[in-house]
Each structure stands twice: as C-alpha cells, then as structure tokens.
Amino acid sequence: GAAPGEGTVFRSSEVAVTPQMLADDSVAVGRGATLALRCSMCHGIRGTRQADIPNLAGQGAAGTYKQLRDFQSGHRISQVMAPHVRDLTDRQMRDLALYYASLPRVTAPPTLAEQLRAPAIIQIGAPMRNIAPCVSCHGGSDLKTTAPILDGEAASYIRDQLRAFGTDARRNDILGQMRIIARQMTPEEIETVARYYSRQ
C-alpha cells in the first residue's frame, strides 16, 4: 500500500473472519501441528517464544490467522515472516491458527486482584489523550477477538510494536486504533507496558 499522503487509500487489512472459518476442528488442529514444525525454529516446538519472538501458544485463532494473512498480503511488513507465509494457502493459515489456539497459554490469566495492581496505563489508560486501557482489548482473563494476549511476551517485542504503531511503520491495526494510542503514549508509558506484560 502507499504511504500516508501519497493519494492512495491504505487499508490496514483485508481480512474478514466468520465464526465458521475458525470453528474448533480436531482434524484442522492436527494439520496445523504438522505445518507448525516449520515454525518451531523461531516460535518454539509448543508455540512459546525464543528471545523476542512472540508467543503463539493459546493466542486466539482469529488473531493469529489475521496476522498470517496480513504478513502474506504485505499489510504487515516483516522481512523474516514474508518468505515463510508466501506460499501458504488460506486453509493452511487457518489450520496453523487453530493449532496454536489449542495450546495452553504461556501464563495463566491474571486474577482480578492481580489486574487491580496493574499500572494505571494498563487499567485505566489516559482518556484525556485518547489512550484506552490495555486491558479493554488485550484483556485480563478475557480475549478480545483479534487482540493478542500480551502476558508473558518479551518486553523488547512489545516495545518495538508500540514504537512501530506510533511511527506508522506498522499499520495493520483495524481502524488505526493502536496507532492512535501509541502516538499518544510517552516513552515512559511504553516502557511501563512492556515491562509489566513481560513479567506476567
């Protein structure tokens, strides 16, 4: 897509997900497990991260599917991911997403007491600066459609993604919600969010 201001409307994604597309299916999970062997060098044999690579275990199928499709279409840019998704069929991407969703989460969902001890930017956000609380989409015990679980992700990964959204280097967020938030966040708030979730 064209950069902002070049006259072409940039669409953040072209992915549409219906409940039937990602219905729980043990055959699809099995096919996904086989496909995931090629992903294990970076994402781990059970979908848990190595270094600053994101955890896929327990992530919602819709979210993983969307990211795979966005990598393939170029709506999300990654020199590392692009060659790995280039030849995947839509069915294979759905199978991978269902497989990773079937794996246990890296960390247990936080309790209400743990959520209440989270920093203000995570619990309350900063409404006067259009910053929604992180938990409103990334959940405490909830999982919101395509929003990833952040608990247990590497601080460097979260920091890098927030900076990428803030500078428009990453633009595959529907309706630009993450770009709006990240542009308003201070470096200290980004660091707080990155460190909080990496310790969960």
N, C-alpha and C. Protein backbone atom coordinates (compact mmCIF):
# COMPACT_ATOMS: atom_id res chain seq x y z
N GLY A 1 0.83 -1.18 0.00
CA GLY A 1 0.00 0.00 0.00
C GLY A 1 0.86 1.23 0.00
N ALA A 2 0.30 2.34 -0.40
CA ALA A 2 1.03 3.61 -0.45
C ALA A 2 1.18 4.18 0.94
N ALA A 3 2.22 4.97 1.10
CA ALA A 3 2.43 5.64 2.38
C ALA A 3 1.39 6.73 2.55
N PRO A 4 1.09 7.15 3.79
CA PRO A 4 0.11 8.20 4.00
C PRO A 4 0.49 9.45 3.21
N GLY A 5 -0.52 10.07 2.61
CA GLY A 5 -0.26 11.31 1.89
C GLY A 5 0.08 11.11 0.43
N GLU A 6 0.17 9.89 -0.06
CA GLU A 6 0.53 9.64 -1.45
C GLU A 6 -0.69 9.53 -2.36
N GLY A 7 -1.87 9.81 -1.82
CA GLY A 7 -3.06 9.83 -2.64
C GLY A 7 -3.82 8.52 -2.73
N THR A 8 -3.24 7.44 -2.30
CA THR A 8 -3.92 6.15 -2.33
C THR A 8 -4.39 5.82 -0.91
N VAL A 9 -5.63 5.35 -0.82
CA VAL A 9 -6.16 4.98 0.49
C VAL A 9 -5.51 3.67 0.93
N PHE A 10 -4.90 3.68 2.12
CA PHE A 10 -4.27 2.47 2.65
C PHE A 10 -5.29 1.73 3.50
N ARG A 11 -5.50 0.47 3.22
CA ARG A 11 -6.36 -0.37 4.05
C ARG A 11 -5.47 -1.13 5.00
N SER A 12 -5.82 -1.08 6.28
CA SER A 12 -4.96 -1.70 7.29
C SER A 12 -4.95 -3.22 7.17
N SER A 13 -6.01 -3.79 6.62
CA SER A 13 -6.11 -5.24 6.47
C SER A 13 -7.27 -5.53 5.54
N GLU A 14 -7.25 -6.68 4.94
CA GLU A 14 -8.39 -7.10 4.12
C GLU A 14 -8.97 -8.40 4.64
N VAL A 15 -8.70 -8.71 5.90
CA VAL A 15 -9.13 -9.98 6.48
C VAL A 15 -10.53 -9.83 7.08
N ALA A 16 -11.39 -10.74 6.73
CA ALA A 16 -12.71 -10.84 7.35
C ALA A 16 -12.82 -12.26 7.90
N VAL A 17 -13.23 -12.36 9.15
CA VAL A 17 -13.31 -13.67 9.81
C VAL A 17 -14.74 -13.93 10.23
N THR A 18 -15.24 -15.12 9.91
CA THR A 18 -16.55 -15.53 10.38
C THR A 18 -16.37 -16.68 11.38
N PRO A 19 -17.33 -16.89 12.26
CA PRO A 19 -17.18 -17.98 13.24
C PRO A 19 -16.97 -19.34 12.58
N GLN A 20 -17.59 -19.56 11.42
CA GLN A 20 -17.46 -20.86 10.76
C GLN A 20 -16.04 -21.10 10.24
N MET A 21 -15.34 -20.03 9.85
CA MET A 21 -14.00 -20.19 9.29
C MET A 21 -13.03 -20.81 10.28
N LEU A 22 -13.20 -20.48 11.55
CA LEU A 22 -12.25 -20.94 12.55
C LEU A 22 -12.94 -21.77 13.63
N ALA A 23 -13.91 -22.55 13.20
CA ALA A 23 -14.60 -23.44 14.14
C ALA A 23 -13.61 -24.49 14.64
N ASP A 24 -13.76 -24.86 15.91
CA ASP A 24 -12.87 -25.86 16.51
C ASP A 24 -12.98 -27.17 15.73
N ASP A 25 -11.86 -27.67 15.28
CA ASP A 25 -11.84 -28.83 14.40
C ASP A 25 -10.56 -29.61 14.66
N SER A 26 -10.70 -30.81 15.22
CA SER A 26 -9.50 -31.57 15.61
C SER A 26 -8.67 -31.97 14.39
N VAL A 27 -9.28 -32.17 13.25
CA VAL A 27 -8.52 -32.51 12.05
C VAL A 27 -7.68 -31.32 11.61
N ALA A 28 -8.28 -30.13 11.65
CA ALA A 28 -7.55 -28.92 11.29
C ALA A 28 -6.39 -28.68 12.26
N VAL A 29 -6.62 -28.93 13.55
CA VAL A 29 -5.56 -28.77 14.55
C VAL A 29 -4.41 -29.72 14.25
N GLY A 30 -4.73 -30.94 13.88
CA GLY A 30 -3.69 -31.91 13.53
C GLY A 30 -2.88 -31.47 12.32
N ARG A 31 -3.58 -30.99 11.29
CA ARG A 31 -2.86 -30.48 10.12
C ARG A 31 -1.99 -29.28 10.51
N GLY A 32 -2.53 -28.43 11.37
CA GLY A 32 -1.76 -27.26 11.83
C GLY A 32 -0.52 -27.65 12.60
N ALA A 33 -0.63 -28.71 13.40
CA ALA A 33 0.53 -29.19 14.18
C ALA A 33 1.64 -29.62 13.25
N THR A 34 1.29 -30.28 12.15
CA THR A 34 2.30 -30.70 11.18
C THR A 34 2.93 -29.49 10.51
N LEU A 35 2.11 -28.54 10.10
CA LEU A 35 2.63 -27.32 9.48
C LEU A 35 3.52 -26.53 10.44
N ALA A 36 3.16 -26.55 11.72
CA ALA A 36 3.88 -25.75 12.71
C ALA A 36 5.32 -26.22 12.92
N LEU A 37 5.64 -27.43 12.48
CA LEU A 37 7.02 -27.89 12.61
C LEU A 37 7.98 -26.93 11.91
N ARG A 38 7.56 -26.34 10.82
CA ARG A 38 8.43 -25.40 10.10
C ARG A 38 8.53 -24.05 10.82
N CYS A 39 7.64 -23.81 11.79
CA CYS A 39 7.65 -22.56 12.55
C CYS A 39 8.44 -22.68 13.85
N SER A 40 8.76 -23.93 14.22
CA SER A 40 9.30 -24.20 15.56
C SER A 40 10.70 -23.64 15.79
N MET A 41 11.46 -23.42 14.73
CA MET A 41 12.81 -22.88 14.91
C MET A 41 12.77 -21.53 15.63
N CYS A 42 11.78 -20.73 15.30
CA CYS A 42 11.67 -19.40 15.93
C CYS A 42 10.62 -19.37 17.04
N HIS A 43 9.45 -19.97 16.78
CA HIS A 43 8.33 -19.85 17.72
C HIS A 43 8.29 -20.98 18.73
N GLY A 44 9.24 -21.89 18.69
CA GLY A 44 9.30 -22.96 19.67
C GLY A 44 8.42 -24.13 19.28
N ILE A 45 8.75 -25.28 19.80
CA ILE A 45 8.05 -26.51 19.45
C ILE A 45 6.60 -26.48 19.93
N ARG A 46 6.32 -25.72 21.00
CA ARG A 46 4.95 -25.63 21.53
C ARG A 46 4.43 -24.20 21.48
N GLY A 47 4.96 -23.40 20.55
CA GLY A 47 4.44 -22.06 20.35
C GLY A 47 4.88 -21.04 21.37
N THR A 48 5.92 -21.38 22.14
CA THR A 48 6.42 -20.42 23.12
C THR A 48 7.71 -19.80 22.60
N ARG A 49 7.89 -18.55 22.93
CA ARG A 49 8.91 -17.73 22.29
C ARG A 49 10.33 -18.12 22.62
N GLN A 50 11.19 -17.73 21.69
CA GLN A 50 12.62 -17.77 21.89
C GLN A 50 13.06 -16.30 21.77
N ALA A 51 13.77 -15.79 22.72
CA ALA A 51 14.24 -14.39 22.69
C ALA A 51 13.04 -13.44 22.58
N ASP A 52 13.05 -12.55 21.57
CA ASP A 52 11.99 -11.55 21.48
C ASP A 52 10.94 -11.89 20.42
N ILE A 53 10.79 -13.16 20.11
CA ILE A 53 9.80 -13.61 19.14
C ILE A 53 8.49 -13.86 19.88
N PRO A 54 7.36 -13.46 19.32
CA PRO A 54 6.10 -13.56 20.08
C PRO A 54 5.66 -14.99 20.35
N ASN A 55 4.99 -15.15 21.49
CA ASN A 55 4.37 -16.42 21.85
C ASN A 55 3.12 -16.60 21.00
N LEU A 56 2.92 -17.80 20.51
CA LEU A 56 1.71 -18.11 19.75
C LEU A 56 0.79 -19.05 20.52
N ALA A 57 1.32 -19.75 21.50
CA ALA A 57 0.53 -20.72 22.27
C ALA A 57 -0.63 -20.02 22.99
N GLY A 58 -1.84 -20.52 22.73
CA GLY A 58 -3.01 -20.01 23.41
C GLY A 58 -3.56 -18.72 22.85
N GLN A 59 -2.92 -18.17 21.83
CA GLN A 59 -3.46 -16.96 21.21
C GLN A 59 -4.75 -17.31 20.47
N GLY A 60 -5.66 -16.37 20.40
CA GLY A 60 -6.91 -16.61 19.69
C GLY A 60 -6.67 -16.93 18.23
N ALA A 61 -7.42 -17.89 17.70
CA ALA A 61 -7.22 -18.30 16.31
C ALA A 61 -7.45 -17.15 15.34
N ALA A 62 -8.44 -16.32 15.60
CA ALA A 62 -8.74 -15.22 14.68
C ALA A 62 -7.57 -14.25 14.58
N GLY A 63 -6.93 -13.98 15.72
CA GLY A 63 -5.79 -13.06 15.72
C GLY A 63 -4.59 -13.61 14.97
N THR A 64 -4.26 -14.88 15.22
CA THR A 64 -3.13 -15.49 14.52
C THR A 64 -3.39 -15.57 13.03
N TYR A 65 -4.60 -15.96 12.67
CA TYR A 65 -4.97 -16.03 11.26
C TYR A 65 -4.84 -14.66 10.59
N LYS A 66 -5.34 -13.62 11.25
CA LYS A 66 -5.25 -12.27 10.68
C LYS A 66 -3.80 -11.86 10.45
N GLN A 67 -2.94 -12.12 11.42
CA GLN A 67 -1.53 -11.72 11.26
C GLN A 67 -0.87 -12.48 10.12
N LEU A 68 -1.15 -13.77 10.00
CA LEU A 68 -0.58 -14.54 8.88
C LEU A 68 -1.04 -13.98 7.54
N ARG A 69 -2.33 -13.70 7.45
CA ARG A 69 -2.85 -13.13 6.20
C ARG A 69 -2.24 -11.77 5.92
N ASP A 70 -2.08 -10.95 6.97
CA ASP A 70 -1.50 -9.62 6.79
C ASP A 70 -0.03 -9.69 6.39
N PHE A 71 0.71 -10.65 6.95
CA PHE A 71 2.10 -10.84 6.51
C PHE A 71 2.14 -11.22 5.03
N GLN A 72 1.24 -12.11 4.65
CA GLN A 72 1.24 -12.58 3.26
C GLN A 72 0.86 -11.47 2.28
N SER A 73 -0.11 -10.64 2.65
CA SER A 73 -0.59 -9.59 1.75
C SER A 73 0.30 -8.35 1.76
N GLY A 74 1.17 -8.25 2.76
CA GLY A 74 2.00 -7.06 2.89
C GLY A 74 1.39 -5.96 3.73
N HIS A 75 0.22 -6.22 4.32
CA HIS A 75 -0.37 -5.23 5.21
C HIS A 75 0.44 -5.11 6.51
N ARG A 76 1.13 -6.17 6.87
CA ARG A 76 2.10 -6.11 7.96
C ARG A 76 3.44 -6.54 7.37
N ILE A 77 4.43 -5.69 7.52
CA ILE A 77 5.72 -5.92 6.88
C ILE A 77 6.67 -6.64 7.83
N SER A 78 7.26 -7.72 7.34
CA SER A 78 8.31 -8.42 8.08
C SER A 78 9.17 -9.17 7.08
N GLN A 79 10.43 -8.81 7.04
CA GLN A 79 11.36 -9.50 6.14
C GLN A 79 11.55 -10.95 6.57
N VAL A 80 11.35 -11.21 7.86
CA VAL A 80 11.51 -12.57 8.38
C VAL A 80 10.28 -13.41 8.03
N MET A 81 9.09 -12.87 8.29
CA MET A 81 7.87 -13.66 8.10
C MET A 81 7.45 -13.80 6.64
N ALA A 82 7.71 -12.81 5.83
CA ALA A 82 7.21 -12.81 4.44
C ALA A 82 7.54 -14.09 3.68
N PRO A 83 8.79 -14.56 3.67
CA PRO A 83 9.07 -15.78 2.91
C PRO A 83 8.41 -17.03 3.49
N HIS A 84 8.11 -17.03 4.78
CA HIS A 84 7.50 -18.21 5.41
C HIS A 84 6.02 -18.33 5.11
N VAL A 85 5.36 -17.19 4.86
CA VAL A 85 3.92 -17.23 4.61
C VAL A 85 3.58 -17.13 3.12
N ARG A 86 4.55 -16.82 2.32
CA ARG A 86 4.31 -16.55 0.89
C ARG A 86 3.48 -17.62 0.20
N ASP A 87 3.80 -18.89 0.44
CA ASP A 87 3.13 -19.99 -0.27
C ASP A 87 2.06 -20.71 0.53
N LEU A 88 1.72 -20.17 1.71
CA LEU A 88 0.67 -20.82 2.50
C LEU A 88 -0.70 -20.57 1.87
N THR A 89 -1.53 -21.59 1.85
CA THR A 89 -2.91 -21.41 1.40
C THR A 89 -3.73 -20.85 2.56
N ASP A 90 -4.91 -20.36 2.25
CA ASP A 90 -5.79 -19.85 3.29
C ASP A 90 -6.12 -20.97 4.28
N ARG A 91 -6.36 -22.17 3.80
CA ARG A 91 -6.67 -23.31 4.66
C ARG A 91 -5.50 -23.60 5.60
N GLN A 92 -4.28 -23.53 5.09
CA GLN A 92 -3.11 -23.79 5.93
C GLN A 92 -2.97 -22.73 7.02
N MET A 93 -3.26 -21.48 6.69
CA MET A 93 -3.19 -20.43 7.70
C MET A 93 -4.25 -20.63 8.78
N ARG A 94 -5.43 -21.07 8.37
CA ARG A 94 -6.47 -21.36 9.37
C ARG A 94 -6.06 -22.54 10.24
N ASP A 95 -5.47 -23.57 9.63
CA ASP A 95 -5.03 -24.74 10.41
C ASP A 95 -3.96 -24.35 11.42
N LEU A 96 -3.00 -23.54 11.00
CA LEU A 96 -1.97 -23.08 11.93
C LEU A 96 -2.58 -22.29 13.08
N ALA A 97 -3.50 -21.40 12.75
CA ALA A 97 -4.14 -20.58 13.79
C ALA A 97 -4.89 -21.45 14.79
N LEU A 98 -5.60 -22.46 14.30
CA LEU A 98 -6.34 -23.34 15.19
C LEU A 98 -5.40 -24.19 16.05
N TYR A 99 -4.29 -24.61 15.47
CA TYR A 99 -3.32 -25.38 16.25
C TYR A 99 -2.77 -24.55 17.40
N TYR A 100 -2.29 -23.35 17.09
CA TYR A 100 -1.70 -22.53 18.16
C TYR A 100 -2.74 -22.16 19.21
N ALA A 101 -3.98 -21.94 18.80
CA ALA A 101 -5.04 -21.63 19.77
C ALA A 101 -5.32 -22.81 20.69
N SER A 102 -5.05 -24.03 20.22
CA SER A 102 -5.32 -25.22 21.03
C SER A 102 -4.28 -25.45 22.13
N LEU A 103 -3.15 -24.79 22.03
CA LEU A 103 -2.07 -24.99 23.00
C LEU A 103 -2.33 -24.18 24.27
N PRO A 104 -1.83 -24.64 25.40
CA PRO A 104 -2.03 -23.88 26.65
C PRO A 104 -1.27 -22.55 26.61
N ARG A 105 -1.90 -21.53 27.21
CA ARG A 105 -1.27 -20.22 27.29
C ARG A 105 0.06 -20.30 28.02
N VAL A 106 0.92 -19.36 27.73
CA VAL A 106 2.23 -19.28 28.39
C VAL A 106 2.05 -18.97 29.87
N THR A 107 1.12 -18.10 30.18
CA THR A 107 0.85 -17.74 31.57
C THR A 107 -0.64 -17.90 31.83
N ALA A 108 -0.99 -18.17 33.07
CA ALA A 108 -2.41 -18.25 33.43
C ALA A 108 -3.02 -16.86 33.37
N PRO A 109 -4.32 -16.76 33.06
CA PRO A 109 -4.95 -15.44 33.07
C PRO A 109 -4.78 -14.79 34.44
N PRO A 110 -4.52 -13.49 34.49
CA PRO A 110 -4.36 -12.83 35.78
C PRO A 110 -5.66 -12.84 36.59
N THR A 111 -5.52 -12.92 37.90
CA THR A 111 -6.69 -12.83 38.77
C THR A 111 -7.14 -11.38 38.82
N LEU A 112 -8.34 -11.16 39.35
CA LEU A 112 -8.84 -9.79 39.50
C LEU A 112 -7.91 -8.98 40.39
N ALA A 113 -7.42 -9.60 41.47
CA ALA A 113 -6.51 -8.89 42.38
C ALA A 113 -5.24 -8.47 41.65
N GLU A 114 -4.72 -9.34 40.79
CA GLU A 114 -3.51 -9.00 40.02
C GLU A 114 -3.81 -7.88 39.02
N GLN A 115 -4.98 -7.94 38.40
CA GLN A 115 -5.34 -6.89 37.46
C GLN A 115 -5.43 -5.53 38.15
N LEU A 116 -5.95 -5.52 39.37
CA LEU A 116 -6.12 -4.26 40.09
C LEU A 116 -4.79 -3.66 40.54
N ARG A 117 -3.73 -4.47 40.55
CA ARG A 117 -2.41 -3.95 40.91
C ARG A 117 -1.62 -3.47 39.68
N ALA A 118 -2.22 -3.64 38.50
CA ALA A 118 -1.53 -3.23 37.27
C ALA A 118 -1.37 -1.72 37.22
N PRO A 119 -0.35 -1.21 36.53
CA PRO A 119 -0.17 0.23 36.39
C PRO A 119 -1.40 0.90 35.77
N ALA A 120 -1.57 2.17 36.07
CA ALA A 120 -2.75 2.92 35.62
C ALA A 120 -2.93 2.88 34.10
N ILE A 121 -1.84 2.97 33.35
CA ILE A 121 -1.95 2.99 31.89
C ILE A 121 -2.60 1.70 31.38
N ILE A 122 -2.41 0.61 32.11
CA ILE A 122 -2.98 -0.68 31.71
C ILE A 122 -4.42 -0.83 32.18
N GLN A 123 -4.70 -0.37 33.41
CA GLN A 123 -6.05 -0.49 33.97
C GLN A 123 -7.02 0.57 33.50
N ILE A 124 -6.52 1.82 33.41
CA ILE A 124 -7.39 2.97 33.19
C ILE A 124 -7.10 3.67 31.87
N GLY A 125 -5.86 3.55 31.39
CA GLY A 125 -5.45 4.28 30.20
C GLY A 125 -5.23 5.75 30.53
N ALA A 126 -5.40 6.60 29.55
CA ALA A 126 -5.30 8.05 29.75
C ALA A 126 -6.36 8.68 28.85
N PRO A 127 -7.60 8.71 29.33
CA PRO A 127 -8.72 9.15 28.49
C PRO A 127 -8.55 10.53 27.86
N MET A 128 -7.90 11.44 28.55
CA MET A 128 -7.74 12.80 28.00
C MET A 128 -6.80 12.82 26.80
N ARG A 129 -6.04 11.74 26.62
CA ARG A 129 -5.13 11.64 25.46
C ARG A 129 -5.55 10.52 24.51
N ASN A 130 -6.80 10.10 24.59
CA ASN A 130 -7.34 9.04 23.71
C ASN A 130 -6.61 7.71 23.86
N ILE A 131 -6.12 7.42 25.06
CA ILE A 131 -5.45 6.15 25.31
C ILE A 131 -6.39 5.26 26.12
N ALA A 132 -6.90 4.23 25.45
CA ALA A 132 -7.76 3.27 26.14
C ALA A 132 -6.90 2.39 27.04
N PRO A 133 -7.47 1.85 28.11
CA PRO A 133 -6.70 0.92 28.94
C PRO A 133 -6.33 -0.32 28.13
N CYS A 134 -5.13 -0.81 28.32
CA CYS A 134 -4.68 -2.00 27.59
C CYS A 134 -5.63 -3.17 27.78
N VAL A 135 -6.15 -3.32 29.03
CA VAL A 135 -7.00 -4.48 29.32
C VAL A 135 -8.32 -4.44 28.58
N SER A 136 -8.73 -3.28 28.06
CA SER A 136 -10.02 -3.22 27.38
C SER A 136 -10.02 -4.06 26.11
N CYS A 137 -8.87 -4.26 25.51
CA CYS A 137 -8.78 -5.13 24.31
C CYS A 137 -7.93 -6.36 24.56
N HIS A 138 -6.81 -6.19 25.26
CA HIS A 138 -5.89 -7.30 25.45
C HIS A 138 -6.25 -8.13 26.66
N GLY A 139 -7.31 -7.70 27.33
CA GLY A 139 -7.94 -8.50 28.35
C GLY A 139 -7.12 -8.76 29.59
N GLY A 140 -7.82 -9.13 30.61
CA GLY A 140 -7.19 -9.70 31.77
C GLY A 140 -7.41 -11.18 31.56
N SER A 141 -8.60 -11.62 31.95
CA SER A 141 -8.94 -13.02 31.72
C SER A 141 -9.67 -13.19 30.40
N ASP A 142 -10.05 -12.07 29.78
CA ASP A 142 -10.78 -12.13 28.51
C ASP A 142 -9.81 -12.17 27.34
N LEU A 143 -10.33 -12.58 26.18
CA LEU A 143 -9.58 -12.48 24.94
C LEU A 143 -10.52 -11.85 23.94
N LYS A 144 -10.14 -10.68 23.43
CA LYS A 144 -10.99 -9.94 22.52
C LYS A 144 -10.64 -10.27 21.07
N THR A 145 -11.43 -11.01 20.42
CA THR A 145 -11.34 -11.37 19.00
C THR A 145 -9.93 -11.46 18.47
N THR A 146 -9.43 -10.40 17.84
CA THR A 146 -8.11 -10.49 17.21
C THR A 146 -7.00 -9.85 18.04
N ALA A 147 -7.32 -9.29 19.19
CA ALA A 147 -6.28 -8.68 20.02
C ALA A 147 -5.45 -9.77 20.70
N PRO A 148 -4.13 -9.71 20.61
CA PRO A 148 -3.31 -10.78 21.20
C PRO A 148 -3.24 -10.70 22.72
N ILE A 149 -2.99 -11.84 23.32
CA ILE A 149 -2.65 -11.88 24.75
C ILE A 149 -1.23 -11.34 24.87
N LEU A 150 -1.02 -10.40 25.77
CA LEU A 150 0.31 -9.82 25.93
C LEU A 150 1.08 -10.42 27.10
N ASP A 151 0.38 -11.05 28.03
CA ASP A 151 1.06 -11.63 29.20
C ASP A 151 2.17 -12.57 28.76
N GLY A 152 3.37 -12.34 29.27
CA GLY A 152 4.49 -13.23 29.00
C GLY A 152 5.27 -12.92 27.74
N GLU A 153 4.83 -11.89 26.98
CA GLU A 153 5.60 -11.52 25.79
C GLU A 153 6.88 -10.80 26.21
N ALA A 154 7.89 -10.85 25.38
CA ALA A 154 9.15 -10.18 25.69
C ALA A 154 8.96 -8.67 25.69
N ALA A 155 9.58 -8.00 26.66
CA ALA A 155 9.47 -6.54 26.74
C ALA A 155 9.95 -5.89 25.45
N SER A 156 11.01 -6.41 24.87
CA SER A 156 11.55 -5.81 23.64
C SER A 156 10.55 -5.92 22.49
N TYR A 157 9.81 -7.02 22.42
CA TYR A 157 8.82 -7.19 21.36
C TYR A 157 7.68 -6.19 21.52
N ILE A 158 7.14 -6.08 22.74
CA ILE A 158 6.04 -5.14 23.00
C ILE A 158 6.50 -3.71 22.72
N ARG A 159 7.68 -3.38 23.21
CA ARG A 159 8.24 -2.03 23.00
C ARG A 159 8.37 -1.73 21.51
N ASP A 160 8.93 -2.67 20.77
CA ASP A 160 9.13 -2.47 19.32
C ASP A 160 7.80 -2.31 18.59
N GLN A 161 6.79 -3.09 18.97
CA GLN A 161 5.50 -3.00 18.27
C GLN A 161 4.80 -1.68 18.59
N LEU A 162 4.86 -1.23 19.83
CA LEU A 162 4.26 0.07 20.17
C LEU A 162 4.96 1.21 19.43
N ARG A 163 6.27 1.15 19.35
CA ARG A 163 7.00 2.18 18.60
C ARG A 163 6.66 2.12 17.12
N ALA A 164 6.51 0.91 16.58
CA ALA A 164 6.17 0.76 15.16
C ALA A 164 4.78 1.32 14.87
N PHE A 165 3.82 1.06 15.75
CA PHE A 165 2.50 1.64 15.58
C PHE A 165 2.57 3.17 15.68
N GLY A 166 3.35 3.66 16.63
CA GLY A 166 3.44 5.10 16.85
C GLY A 166 4.06 5.87 15.70
N THR A 167 4.88 5.21 14.90
CA THR A 167 5.54 5.88 13.78
C THR A 167 4.95 5.48 12.43
N ASP A 168 3.87 4.71 12.44
CA ASP A 168 3.24 4.21 11.22
C ASP A 168 4.08 3.16 10.49
N ALA A 169 5.13 2.66 11.12
CA ALA A 169 5.90 1.58 10.49
C ALA A 169 5.07 0.30 10.47
N ARG A 170 4.16 0.17 11.43
CA ARG A 170 3.19 -0.93 11.42
C ARG A 170 1.81 -0.32 11.32
N ARG A 171 1.02 -0.80 10.36
CA ARG A 171 -0.27 -0.16 10.10
C ARG A 171 -1.38 -1.18 9.86
N ASN A 172 -1.27 -2.37 10.40
CA ASN A 172 -2.31 -3.37 10.13
C ASN A 172 -3.35 -3.47 11.25
N ASP A 173 -3.47 -2.42 12.04
CA ASP A 173 -4.49 -2.37 13.09
C ASP A 173 -5.79 -1.83 12.48
N ILE A 174 -6.86 -2.56 12.67
CA ILE A 174 -8.16 -2.16 12.12
C ILE A 174 -8.57 -0.81 12.70
N LEU A 175 -8.98 0.10 11.82
CA LEU A 175 -9.42 1.45 12.18
C LEU A 175 -8.31 2.28 12.84
N GLY A 176 -7.08 1.81 12.79
CA GLY A 176 -5.96 2.58 13.32
C GLY A 176 -5.95 2.73 14.83
N GLN A 177 -6.66 1.86 15.55
CA GLN A 177 -6.78 2.06 17.00
C GLN A 177 -5.44 2.01 17.72
N MET A 178 -4.56 1.09 17.33
CA MET A 178 -3.27 1.02 18.02
C MET A 178 -2.37 2.20 17.63
N ARG A 179 -2.47 2.67 16.40
CA ARG A 179 -1.67 3.83 16.01
C ARG A 179 -2.10 5.07 16.78
N ILE A 180 -3.40 5.25 16.96
CA ILE A 180 -3.91 6.39 17.72
C ILE A 180 -3.37 6.35 19.14
N ILE A 181 -3.43 5.17 19.76
CA ILE A 181 -2.98 5.01 21.15
C ILE A 181 -1.47 5.20 21.24
N ALA A 182 -0.72 4.50 20.39
CA ALA A 182 0.75 4.51 20.51
C ALA A 182 1.33 5.90 20.26
N ARG A 183 0.71 6.68 19.37
CA ARG A 183 1.21 8.05 19.11
C ARG A 183 1.11 8.93 20.33
N GLN A 184 0.12 8.63 21.19
CA GLN A 184 -0.11 9.47 22.37
C GLN A 184 0.70 9.01 23.59
N MET A 185 1.25 7.81 23.52
CA MET A 185 1.96 7.29 24.69
C MET A 185 3.34 7.90 24.82
N THR A 186 3.74 8.17 26.05
CA THR A 186 5.08 8.67 26.31
C THR A 186 6.06 7.49 26.29
N PRO A 187 7.34 7.75 26.10
CA PRO A 187 8.32 6.66 26.19
C PRO A 187 8.25 5.92 27.52
N GLU A 188 7.95 6.65 28.59
CA GLU A 188 7.87 6.02 29.91
C GLU A 188 6.67 5.07 29.98
N GLU A 189 5.55 5.47 29.38
CA GLU A 189 4.37 4.60 29.37
C GLU A 189 4.61 3.35 28.53
N ILE A 190 5.27 3.51 27.42
CA ILE A 190 5.61 2.35 26.59
C ILE A 190 6.48 1.38 27.39
N GLU A 191 7.44 1.93 28.10
CA GLU A 191 8.33 1.08 28.90
C GLU A 191 7.56 0.39 30.02
N THR A 192 6.65 1.11 30.66
CA THR A 192 5.83 0.53 31.73
C THR A 192 5.01 -0.65 31.22
N VAL A 193 4.36 -0.46 30.07
CA VAL A 193 3.54 -1.52 29.48
C VAL A 193 4.40 -2.72 29.11
N ALA A 194 5.54 -2.46 28.46
CA ALA A 194 6.43 -3.54 28.03
C ALA A 194 6.93 -4.35 29.23
N ARG A 195 7.35 -3.66 30.26
CA ARG A 195 7.89 -4.36 31.42
C ARG A 195 6.80 -5.10 32.20
N TYR A 196 5.62 -4.48 32.31
CA TYR A 196 4.54 -5.13 33.06
C TYR A 196 4.15 -6.46 32.40
N TYR A 197 3.88 -6.44 31.12
CA TYR A 197 3.41 -7.65 30.47
C TYR A 197 4.53 -8.71 30.37
N SER A 198 5.76 -8.29 30.24
CA SER A 198 6.84 -9.28 30.14
C SER A 198 7.05 -10.01 31.46
N ARG A 199 6.66 -9.42 32.57
CA ARG A 199 6.82 -10.05 33.88
C ARG A 199 5.66 -10.94 34.26
N GLN A 200 4.55 -10.84 33.53
CA GLN A 200 3.36 -11.62 33.88
C GLN A 200 3.62 -13.11 33.70
